[in-house]
Amino acid sequence: MSDEGIRVPTWALPAFLAILSGAVVWGASQAQAQATQEEVDRIEAAVVSVVEEAQATGKLAAVNATKIEAIVDSLAEQSETAKASDAKLQQLIEIMLKNQN
């Protein structure tokens, strides 16, 4: 027996290097795909959070608009009531002035 080690034919060396480089490229692409998926998941979570916050803000804005409309309506009613009260008070003052004379 001879102690020459493993002998690789010279014609197989390019094929071996091609397979090795292909394996490295495949591993790198798998790592890139995983990193991309993690980034997509992170961005998706952020978008979902922003959408939920926007919906809550939109609902809050709608509630505020409804409250503002109710306040405006109430103030309009109070204004009309005040005008009616002013008219009645004016009539009462006129009646009192007539009765004094």
Protein backbone atom coordinates (compact mmCIF):
# COMPACT_ATOMS: atom_id res chain seq x y z
CA MET A 1 0.00 0.00 0.00
CA SER A 2 1.14 3.46 -0.74
CA ASP A 3 0.71 6.56 1.40
CA GLU A 4 -0.31 8.95 -1.34
CA GLY A 5 -3.65 10.09 0.19
CA ILE A 6 -6.77 10.86 -1.81
CA ARG A 7 -6.17 11.36 -5.47
CA VAL A 8 -8.65 13.48 -7.39
CA PRO A 9 -8.55 13.38 -11.17
CA THR A 10 -7.72 16.79 -12.63
CA TRP A 11 -10.80 16.74 -14.84
CA ALA A 12 -13.04 16.53 -11.71
CA LEU A 13 -11.51 19.59 -10.03
CA PRO A 14 -13.59 22.18 -11.99
CA ALA A 15 -16.75 20.16 -11.36
CA PHE A 16 -15.97 19.98 -7.63
CA LEU A 17 -15.32 23.76 -7.48
CA ALA A 18 -18.56 24.43 -9.37
CA ILE A 19 -20.52 22.26 -6.94
CA LEU A 20 -18.80 23.94 -3.98
CA SER A 21 -19.53 27.45 -5.26
CA GLY A 22 -23.12 26.43 -6.04
CA ALA A 23 -23.54 25.21 -2.45
CA VAL A 24 -22.15 28.50 -1.10
CA VAL A 25 -24.48 30.52 -3.34
CA TRP A 26 -27.44 28.36 -2.30
CA GLY A 27 -26.61 28.84 1.40
CA ALA A 28 -26.21 32.57 0.96
CA SER A 29 -29.51 32.83 -0.90
CA GLN A 30 -31.24 30.85 1.86
CA ALA A 31 -29.82 33.21 4.48
CA GLN A 32 -30.90 36.23 2.42
CA ALA A 33 -34.39 34.76 2.01
CA GLN A 34 -34.69 34.23 5.74
CA ALA A 35 -33.50 37.78 6.49
CA THR A 36 -35.94 39.15 3.93
CA GLN A 37 -38.82 37.19 5.48
CA GLU A 38 -37.93 38.50 8.94
CA GLU A 39 -37.90 42.06 7.58
CA VAL A 40 -41.26 41.50 5.85
CA ASP A 41 -42.74 40.17 9.10
CA ARG A 42 -41.40 43.17 11.04
CA ILE A 43 -42.80 45.64 8.50
CA GLU A 44 -46.13 43.81 8.39
CA ALA A 45 -46.44 44.05 12.18
CA ALA A 46 -45.68 47.77 12.03
CA VAL A 47 -48.25 48.33 9.28
CA VAL A 48 -50.92 46.41 11.20
CA SER A 49 -50.18 48.51 14.27
CA VAL A 50 -50.42 51.75 12.29
CA VAL A 51 -53.68 50.65 10.66
CA GLU A 52 -55.21 49.79 14.04
CA GLU A 53 -54.08 53.12 15.46
CA ALA A 54 -55.45 54.97 12.43
CA GLN A 55 -58.78 53.20 12.76
CA ALA A 56 -58.94 54.07 16.46
CA THR A 57 -58.01 57.67 15.69
CA GLY A 58 -60.62 57.79 12.94
CA LYS A 59 -63.27 56.45 15.31
CA LEU A 60 -62.16 58.96 17.93
CA ALA A 61 -62.40 61.76 15.38
CA ALA A 62 -65.89 60.61 14.41
CA VAL A 63 -66.94 60.54 18.06
CA ASN A 64 -65.47 64.01 18.59
CA ALA A 65 -67.28 65.32 15.50
CA THR A 66 -70.55 63.87 16.82
CA LYS A 67 -69.98 65.47 20.22
CA ILE A 68 -69.17 68.82 18.61
CA GLU A 69 -72.36 68.63 16.53
CA ALA A 70 -74.36 67.85 19.67
CA ILE A 71 -72.81 70.85 21.46
CA VAL A 72 -73.54 73.14 18.50
CA ASP A 73 -77.15 71.92 18.39
CA SER A 74 -77.48 72.44 22.13
CA LEU A 75 -76.06 75.96 21.87
CA ALA A 76 -78.45 76.75 19.02
CA GLU A 77 -81.39 75.55 21.12
CA GLN A 78 -80.17 77.61 24.09
CA SER A 79 -79.88 80.65 21.83
CA GLU A 80 -83.45 80.19 20.60
CA THR A 81 -84.64 79.67 24.19
CA ALA A 82 -82.79 82.81 25.26
CA LYS A 83 -84.40 84.81 22.44
CA ALA A 84 -87.85 83.56 23.46
CA SER A 85 -87.10 84.39 27.09
CA ASP A 86 -85.87 87.85 26.09
CA ALA A 87 -89.08 88.44 24.12
CA LYS A 88 -91.25 87.32 27.05
CA LEU A 89 -89.21 89.44 29.47
CA GLN A 90 -89.62 92.44 27.15
CA GLN A 91 -93.39 91.92 27.07
CA LEU A 92 -93.46 91.60 30.88
CA ILE A 93 -91.48 94.83 31.28
CA GLU A 94 -93.84 96.64 28.87
CA ILE A 95 -96.88 95.37 30.78
CA MET A 96 -95.33 96.49 34.08
CA LEU A 97 -94.54 99.94 32.66
CA LYS A 98 -98.12 100.31 31.38
CA ASN A 99 -99.51 99.28 34.76
CA GLN A 100 -97.29 101.81 36.53
CA ASN A 101 -98.62 104.71 34.54
